[in-house]
Amino acid sequence: MTASDVMPVETPAVVAEAAGSPQKPKKALSAYWIYSNEMRDEVIKAQKEANGGKAKFGEVAKEISAKWAALPEAEKKAFEDKAAADKQRFASELKVYMEACDPAGTLRMKYQHLIPKKPLTAFVAFNQDPTNREKAAEALKAEGKEAGTKQVATKLSEMWKAASAEEKAPYEDQHRKEHADFVEKQKAWQATPEFAEIEKAEKAQEEKRKAAEAEQKTAEAKEKAEKEAKSGKKR
């Protein structure tokens, strides 16, 4: 039993969907949890019979885990096949859910290969340069410090601040060129029907959100008025 086999738990905020909104699909179960769900009643019954009608949660989980570990691979495959089917079910239902809840976001994902990506800043390009990363790691080791990811990032930031205008120039020139290219690509993208489709979806989504907020405020005001009216009658 691994961390990935922990039973997914939905929080009240996730479970309590807004009225009229689609229900979020249940997460796919792992092969272990499908097996566990099928075996739980049997194991609980056996433990109660052996322990005077008592079955502790920890002991039930321990026994199911042991049974799963001892299960032949051929028998495990049946549960792995069920898990694979459940994973496909979740992916399909999630797609429908996301299209209903965030149509604009769904379209952005659909057309992400067409949407121009912003260029790296000069600082980020400097940080990603293998030569600079090697220098940062060597400097840390020379100082007798750990050269982990966090420490290297901090050292690179120090190196950038200390770099001369001449040393920064190649990265800044690269950024200016890539930014100019990005601006041109962005203009072309904004003239496409795909961009117009996303814009339309975003507008409709925002109108729907505002309508829902207005409806909620009206309901809250009505509830408040009713409570005040009842309170006035009691006096």
Protein backbone atom coordinates (compact mmCIF):
# COMPACT_ATOMS: atom_id res chain seq x y z
CA MET A 1 0.00 0.00 0.00
CA THR A 2 1.57 3.27 -1.10
CA ALA A 3 0.79 6.98 -0.68
CA SER A 4 -0.95 6.91 -4.05
CA ASP A 5 -3.32 4.29 -2.66
CA VAL A 6 -4.72 6.64 -0.01
CA MET A 7 -8.46 6.94 -0.51
CA PRO A 8 -9.30 10.31 -2.06
CA VAL A 9 -11.26 12.51 0.33
CA GLU A 10 -13.39 15.35 -0.98
CA THR A 11 -13.63 18.49 1.15
CA PRO A 12 -17.07 20.01 1.85
CA ALA A 13 -16.18 22.94 -0.43
CA VAL A 14 -15.59 20.56 -3.31
CA VAL A 15 -18.55 18.31 -2.62
CA ALA A 16 -21.02 21.13 -2.13
CA GLU A 17 -21.38 22.31 -5.71
CA ALA A 18 -23.37 25.44 -6.38
CA ALA A 19 -27.02 24.89 -7.19
CA GLY A 20 -27.52 24.09 -10.82
CA SER A 21 -23.81 23.57 -11.50
CA PRO A 22 -22.46 20.22 -12.73
CA GLN A 23 -21.18 17.77 -10.15
CA LYS A 24 -17.44 17.23 -10.04
CA PRO A 25 -16.68 13.63 -11.06
CA LYS A 26 -15.44 11.20 -8.43
CA LYS A 27 -11.72 10.59 -8.61
CA ALA A 28 -10.55 7.31 -10.10
CA LEU A 29 -9.70 4.55 -7.64
CA SER A 30 -6.43 2.64 -7.65
CA ALA A 31 -6.41 -1.14 -8.13
CA TYR A 32 -5.70 -1.51 -4.40
CA TRP A 33 -8.72 0.54 -3.36
CA ILE A 34 -11.04 -1.33 -5.69
CA TYR A 35 -9.79 -4.57 -4.12
CA SER A 36 -10.09 -3.06 -0.64
CA ASN A 37 -13.71 -2.01 -1.23
CA GLU A 38 -14.60 -5.49 -2.42
CA MET A 39 -12.84 -7.24 0.48
CA ARG A 40 -13.76 -4.93 3.37
CA ASP A 41 -17.10 -6.49 4.35
CA GLU A 42 -15.64 -9.99 4.21
CA VAL A 43 -12.65 -9.05 6.38
CA ILE A 44 -14.80 -7.13 8.90
CA LYS A 45 -17.15 -10.12 9.21
CA ALA A 46 -14.26 -12.53 9.79
CA GLN A 47 -12.66 -10.27 12.40
CA LYS A 48 -15.94 -9.81 14.26
CA GLU A 49 -16.44 -13.57 14.39
CA ALA A 50 -12.92 -14.00 15.75
CA ASN A 51 -13.01 -11.10 18.22
CA GLY A 52 -16.38 -11.24 19.92
CA GLY A 53 -18.17 -8.97 17.50
CA LYS A 54 -15.42 -6.36 17.31
CA ALA A 55 -13.41 -5.21 14.27
CA LYS A 56 -10.86 -2.40 14.61
CA PHE A 57 -10.36 -0.13 11.60
CA GLY A 58 -6.57 -0.37 11.79
CA GLU A 59 -6.62 -4.16 11.93
CA VAL A 60 -9.07 -4.37 9.02
CA ALA A 61 -6.83 -2.13 6.89
CA LYS A 62 -3.75 -4.12 7.90
CA GLU A 63 -5.33 -7.45 6.93
CA ILE A 64 -6.60 -6.13 3.59
CA SER A 65 -3.14 -4.73 2.83
CA ALA A 66 -1.54 -8.10 3.65
CA LYS A 67 -4.04 -9.96 1.47
CA TRP A 68 -3.35 -7.57 -1.42
CA ALA A 69 0.41 -8.04 -1.05
CA ALA A 70 -0.04 -11.83 -1.17
CA LEU A 71 -2.43 -11.77 -4.12
CA PRO A 72 -0.96 -13.41 -7.26
CA GLU A 73 -0.19 -11.02 -10.12
CA ALA A 74 -2.71 -12.79 -12.35
CA GLU A 75 -5.49 -12.04 -9.84
CA LYS A 76 -4.26 -8.47 -9.29
CA LYS A 77 -4.58 -7.85 -13.01
CA ALA A 78 -8.39 -8.00 -12.81
CA PHE A 79 -8.34 -5.08 -10.35
CA GLU A 80 -5.71 -3.22 -12.36
CA ASP A 81 -7.96 -3.51 -15.43
CA LYS A 82 -10.87 -2.12 -13.41
CA ALA A 83 -8.65 0.75 -12.22
CA ALA A 84 -7.60 1.52 -15.81
CA ALA A 85 -11.26 1.63 -16.88
CA ASP A 86 -12.10 3.87 -13.91
CA LYS A 87 -9.23 6.19 -14.86
CA GLN A 88 -10.67 6.51 -18.37
CA ARG A 89 -14.13 7.15 -16.89
CA PHE A 90 -12.74 9.93 -14.69
CA ALA A 91 -10.85 11.56 -17.60
CA SER A 92 -13.96 11.51 -19.75
CA GLU A 93 -16.23 12.90 -17.01
CA LEU A 94 -13.65 15.52 -16.03
CA LYS A 95 -13.50 16.76 -19.62
CA VAL A 96 -17.28 17.21 -19.67
CA TYR A 97 -17.18 18.87 -16.22
CA MET A 98 -14.43 21.32 -17.23
CA GLU A 99 -16.22 22.19 -20.48
CA ALA A 100 -19.33 23.06 -18.45
CA CYS A 101 -17.55 24.90 -15.60
CA ASP A 102 -14.74 26.62 -17.49
CA PRO A 103 -15.48 26.67 -21.23
CA ALA A 104 -12.93 29.44 -21.85
CA GLY A 105 -10.22 27.50 -20.01
CA THR A 106 -11.13 24.38 -21.96
CA LEU A 107 -10.75 26.29 -25.22
CA ARG A 108 -7.39 27.72 -24.13
CA MET A 109 -6.20 24.17 -23.49
CA LYS A 110 -7.56 23.08 -26.87
CA TYR A 111 -5.76 25.89 -28.72
CA GLN A 112 -2.66 26.11 -26.54
CA HIS A 113 -0.49 25.06 -29.49
CA LEU A 114 -1.66 28.21 -31.32
CA ILE A 115 -1.28 30.68 -28.44
CA PRO A 116 2.07 32.53 -28.51
CA LYS A 117 4.16 31.99 -25.38
CA LYS A 118 5.73 34.97 -23.64
CA PRO A 119 9.53 35.00 -23.90
CA LEU A 120 11.77 34.45 -20.91
CA THR A 121 12.95 37.55 -19.10
CA ALA A 122 16.67 38.35 -19.29
CA PHE A 123 17.02 37.27 -15.64
CA VAL A 124 15.36 33.89 -16.20
CA ALA A 125 17.43 33.26 -19.34
CA PHE A 126 20.56 34.05 -17.29
CA ASN A 127 19.43 31.60 -14.61
CA GLN A 128 18.78 28.84 -17.13
CA ASP A 129 22.15 29.19 -18.83
CA PRO A 130 24.06 25.96 -17.98
CA THR A 131 27.35 27.88 -17.77
CA ASN A 132 25.97 30.25 -15.13
CA ARG A 133 24.39 27.39 -13.18
CA GLU A 134 27.74 25.58 -13.13
CA LYS A 135 29.50 28.75 -11.94
CA ALA A 136 26.94 29.18 -9.17
CA ALA A 137 27.35 25.58 -8.00
CA GLU A 138 31.16 25.86 -8.05
CA ALA A 139 31.02 29.13 -6.08
CA LEU A 140 28.85 27.52 -3.41
CA LYS A 141 31.16 24.52 -3.11
CA ALA A 142 34.17 26.85 -2.83
CA GLU A 143 32.37 28.55 0.07
CA GLY A 144 31.80 25.15 1.68
CA LYS A 145 28.04 25.39 1.20
CA GLU A 146 25.46 22.95 -0.14
CA ALA A 147 24.78 23.30 -3.88
CA GLY A 148 21.13 22.27 -3.90
CA THR A 149 18.46 23.70 -6.21
CA LYS A 150 17.41 26.40 -3.72
CA GLN A 151 20.98 27.44 -2.93
CA VAL A 152 21.95 27.60 -6.62
CA ALA A 153 18.89 29.77 -7.36
CA THR A 154 19.87 32.18 -4.58
CA LYS A 155 23.47 32.34 -5.80
CA LEU A 156 22.33 32.99 -9.40
CA SER A 157 20.22 35.90 -8.15
CA GLU A 158 23.29 37.33 -6.42
CA MET A 159 25.36 36.83 -9.58
CA TRP A 160 22.75 38.64 -11.70
CA LYS A 161 22.65 41.61 -9.33
CA ALA A 162 26.44 41.81 -9.36
CA ALA A 163 26.75 41.36 -13.15
CA SER A 164 27.91 44.35 -15.23
CA ALA A 165 25.80 45.91 -17.97
CA GLU A 166 28.12 44.23 -20.48
CA GLU A 167 27.54 40.80 -18.92
CA LYS A 168 23.77 41.30 -18.88
CA ALA A 169 23.63 42.64 -22.44
CA PRO A 170 23.42 39.27 -24.32
CA TYR A 171 20.42 38.18 -22.23
CA GLU A 172 18.69 41.56 -22.49
CA ASP A 173 19.28 41.70 -26.27
CA GLN A 174 17.85 38.19 -26.61
CA HIS A 175 14.79 39.19 -24.57
CA ARG A 176 14.15 42.32 -26.68
CA LYS A 177 14.34 40.32 -29.89
CA GLU A 178 12.09 37.52 -28.58
CA HIS A 179 9.62 40.04 -27.15
CA ALA A 180 9.34 41.81 -30.53
CA ASP A 181 8.66 38.43 -32.16
CA PHE A 182 6.08 37.66 -29.47
CA VAL A 183 4.23 40.94 -30.08
CA GLU A 184 3.94 40.17 -33.80
CA LYS A 185 2.76 36.62 -33.14
CA GLN A 186 0.27 37.91 -30.57
CA LYS A 187 -1.24 40.31 -33.11
CA ALA A 188 -1.62 37.47 -35.61
CA TRP A 189 -3.14 35.22 -32.94
CA GLN A 190 -5.68 37.86 -31.90
CA ALA A 191 -6.93 38.01 -35.49
CA THR A 192 -7.79 34.29 -35.58
CA PRO A 193 -11.29 32.76 -35.20
CA GLU A 194 -9.94 30.63 -32.34
CA PHE A 195 -9.05 33.75 -30.34
CA ALA A 196 -12.52 35.19 -31.04
CA GLU A 197 -14.07 31.91 -29.83
CA ILE A 198 -12.17 32.14 -26.54
CA GLU A 199 -13.12 35.80 -26.12
CA LYS A 200 -16.78 34.97 -26.66
CA ALA A 201 -16.61 32.13 -24.13
CA GLU A 202 -14.87 34.35 -21.56
CA LYS A 203 -17.53 37.05 -21.95
CA ALA A 204 -20.38 34.54 -21.56
CA GLN A 205 -18.62 32.99 -18.56
CA GLU A 206 -18.20 36.38 -16.87
CA GLU A 207 -21.86 37.27 -17.47
CA LYS A 208 -22.91 33.94 -15.99
CA ARG A 209 -20.70 34.54 -12.94
CA LYS A 210 -22.16 38.01 -12.37
CA ALA A 211 -25.71 36.67 -12.73
CA ALA A 212 -24.97 33.94 -10.18
CA GLU A 213 -23.51 36.48 -7.76
CA ALA A 214 -26.54 38.76 -8.16
CA GLU A 215 -28.86 35.81 -7.57
CA GLN A 216 -26.95 34.85 -4.44
CA LYS A 217 -27.06 38.41 -3.07
CA THR A 218 -30.81 38.58 -3.73
CA ALA A 219 -31.33 35.28 -1.89
CA GLU A 220 -29.18 36.46 1.04
CA ALA A 221 -31.07 39.79 1.24
CA LYS A 222 -34.39 37.93 1.19
CA GLU A 223 -33.25 35.57 3.94
CA LYS A 224 -32.02 38.51 6.03
CA ALA A 225 -35.33 40.36 5.57
CA GLU A 226 -37.30 37.27 6.60
CA LYS A 227 -35.20 36.86 9.76
CA GLU A 228 -35.64 40.52 10.67
CA ALA A 229 -39.38 40.25 10.08
CA LYS A 230 -39.61 37.20 12.37
CA SER A 231 -37.48 38.92 14.97
CA GLY A 232 -39.81 41.98 14.87
CA LYS A 233 -42.89 39.82 15.40
CA LYS A 234 -41.38 38.19 18.50
CA ARG A 235 -40.92 41.61 20.08
